[in-house]
Protein backbone atom coordinates (compact mmCIF):
# COMPACT_ATOMS: atom_id res chain seq x y z
CA MET A 1 52.71 71.07 95.38
CA THR A 2 49.95 69.62 93.18
CA SER A 3 48.48 71.42 90.13
CA LYS A 4 44.83 71.32 89.04
CA ASN A 5 45.43 68.48 86.63
CA GLY A 6 47.11 66.35 89.32
CA ASP A 7 50.75 66.84 88.23
CA THR A 8 53.22 67.39 91.00
CA THR A 9 55.41 70.49 90.62
CA VAL A 10 58.73 70.58 92.42
CA LEU A 11 59.99 74.05 93.35
CA LYS A 12 63.70 74.37 93.36
CA THR A 13 65.58 76.82 95.62
CA PRO A 14 67.82 78.91 93.43
CA THR A 15 71.44 78.24 94.08
CA ARG A 16 73.75 81.12 94.68
CA LYS A 17 77.21 81.39 93.37
CA PRO A 18 79.88 82.00 95.97
CA ARG A 19 80.48 85.80 96.30
CA ARG A 20 83.87 87.12 95.59
CA HIS A 21 85.03 89.48 98.30
CA CYS A 22 87.23 92.53 97.71
CA ASN A 23 88.85 92.42 101.12
CA THR A 24 89.35 90.17 104.13
CA LEU A 25 86.97 91.93 106.47
CA ASP A 26 84.42 89.93 108.39
CA GLY A 27 80.80 91.16 108.35
CA LYS A 28 81.09 93.02 111.64
CA ARG A 29 84.16 94.98 110.58
CA TRP A 30 82.68 95.66 107.10
CA LEU A 31 79.51 97.05 108.73
CA GLN A 32 81.54 99.14 111.19
CA ASN A 33 83.59 100.59 108.31
CA SER A 34 80.53 101.14 106.12
CA ILE A 35 78.40 102.94 108.75
CA SER A 36 80.89 104.82 110.96
CA VAL A 37 83.94 105.21 108.80
CA TRP A 38 84.31 108.90 109.82
CA SER A 39 83.37 109.04 113.50
CA ASP A 40 86.55 107.80 115.19
CA ILE A 41 89.12 109.32 112.88
CA ARG A 42 91.20 112.30 113.98
CA LYS A 43 94.35 114.02 112.70
CA THR A 44 97.45 113.33 114.67
CA PRO A 45 99.16 116.29 116.33
CA GLU A 46 101.88 116.16 113.64
CA GLU A 47 99.23 116.24 110.86
CA ALA A 48 97.50 119.24 112.50
CA ARG A 49 100.85 121.14 112.61
CA LEU A 50 101.33 120.80 108.85
CA LYS A 51 98.43 123.16 108.15
CA HIS A 52 97.73 121.74 104.62
CA PRO A 53 94.44 123.28 103.47
CA ALA A 54 92.93 120.01 102.30
CA MET A 55 94.78 117.44 104.33
CA PHE A 56 93.06 114.39 105.64
CA PRO A 57 94.23 112.05 108.32
CA GLN A 58 96.45 109.09 107.41
CA MET A 59 94.10 106.99 109.54
CA LEU A 60 91.34 107.76 107.08
CA VAL A 61 93.32 106.45 104.13
CA GLU A 62 94.32 103.36 106.04
CA ARG A 63 90.62 102.70 106.68
CA LEU A 64 89.69 103.16 103.09
CA ILE A 65 92.56 100.98 101.81
CA GLU A 66 91.51 98.28 104.31
CA THR A 67 87.87 98.42 103.22
CA PHE A 68 88.07 98.95 99.48
CA LEU A 69 91.42 97.75 98.09
CA PRO A 70 91.38 94.09 96.97
CA THR A 71 93.55 91.90 99.16
CA ASP A 72 95.90 91.02 96.35
CA ALA A 73 96.38 94.63 95.25
CA ASN A 74 99.75 96.18 96.35
CA LEU A 75 99.71 99.49 94.53
CA VAL A 76 98.06 102.78 95.61
CA LEU A 77 98.09 105.74 93.26
CA ASP A 78 97.36 109.26 94.45
CA PRO A 79 97.31 111.73 91.57
CA PHE A 80 96.95 114.62 93.95
CA ALA A 81 99.46 113.66 96.69
CA GLY A 82 99.58 116.92 98.55
CA SER A 83 101.31 116.30 101.88
CA GLY A 84 101.59 112.55 101.25
CA SER A 85 98.99 111.05 103.61
CA THR A 86 97.98 108.41 101.01
CA ILE A 87 101.47 107.37 100.35
CA LEU A 88 102.37 107.20 104.01
CA ALA A 89 99.23 105.05 104.69
CA ALA A 90 99.98 102.72 101.84
CA GLU A 91 103.56 102.18 103.12
CA ALA A 92 102.34 101.65 106.66
CA MET A 93 100.06 98.91 105.37
CA GLY A 94 102.81 97.16 103.37
CA LYS A 95 101.64 98.53 99.99
CA LYS A 96 103.51 100.51 97.46
CA GLY A 97 102.33 104.16 97.12
CA ILE A 98 102.83 106.38 94.14
CA GLY A 99 102.00 110.03 94.44
CA LEU A 100 101.91 112.84 91.92
CA GLU A 101 101.97 116.48 93.00
CA LEU A 102 102.46 119.75 91.05
CA SER A 103 103.44 121.97 93.98
CA PRO A 104 107.17 121.81 94.71
CA GLU A 105 106.39 122.83 98.33
CA TYR A 106 104.08 119.87 98.94
CA VAL A 107 106.49 117.47 97.04
CA SER A 108 109.12 118.55 99.53
CA LEU A 109 106.74 118.21 102.55
CA ALA A 110 105.57 114.69 101.43
CA ARG A 111 109.17 113.52 100.85
CA SER A 112 110.15 114.81 104.29
CA ARG A 113 107.26 112.92 105.93
CA LEU A 114 108.19 109.80 104.06
CA GLU A 115 111.81 110.13 105.15
CA LYS A 116 110.73 110.60 108.79
CA GLN A 117 108.41 107.53 108.67
CA ALA A 118 111.29 105.48 107.16
CA GLU A 119 113.60 106.58 109.94
CA VAL A 120 111.02 105.69 112.63
CA ARG A 121 110.41 102.30 111.03
CA GLY A 122 114.23 101.71 110.84
CA GLN A 123 114.62 102.55 114.50
CA GLU A 124 111.78 100.28 115.48
CA SER A 125 113.25 97.36 113.60
CA GLY A 126 116.80 98.12 114.62
CA VAL A 127 117.95 98.97 111.11
CA ARG A 128 119.48 102.33 110.35
CA ASN A 129 117.81 104.37 107.60
CA GLN A 130 119.93 104.63 104.43
CA GLY A 131 118.84 108.13 103.50
CA SER A 132 116.29 109.54 101.18
CA VAL A 133 112.84 108.37 100.06
CA ASP A 134 114.33 107.84 96.57
CA ARG A 135 115.90 104.68 97.90
CA ASN A 136 112.67 103.34 99.55
CA PRO A 137 111.25 100.72 97.15
CA LYS A 138 107.77 100.95 98.73
CA SER A 139 106.83 104.52 98.17
CA SER A 140 107.49 107.45 95.90
CA ILE A 141 106.18 110.93 95.21
CA GLY A 142 107.04 113.42 92.61
CA LYS A 143 105.84 115.78 89.91
CA PRO A 144 104.28 114.14 86.88
CA LYS A 145 107.36 114.97 84.75
CA ASN A 146 109.85 113.66 87.21
CA GLU A 147 108.18 110.97 89.25
CA ILE A 148 110.62 109.16 91.53
């Protein structure tokens, strides 16, 4: 480009810094999760039987962890654990889940669900479950005063 006084001006294309990504999703999967995150998610029959008034499907939590948790993050905190869907999803994805819950009824329900999931995973891998959730290093749930 030449200016009125005859000097040549060189226009530089701005360079962009490489973008840091929070997850490992490719563009197609990111777009799918961003636009239709709710459309294909349903409660399992087991979740529907629990009749928790504010329960959301474990599949939803898995989708949110996959989309928004940084790849190097291994800890998921749920301060309102309820029936334990977040803790179950974290464990299923190889993360550690910590849940806090005030209601003894829901603490018991969440622990029961965690124990059941541990038993199923133990059977799938051919390893016998050693007992309670308290021994599971990946997940825990409890009251704020006596978190496990």
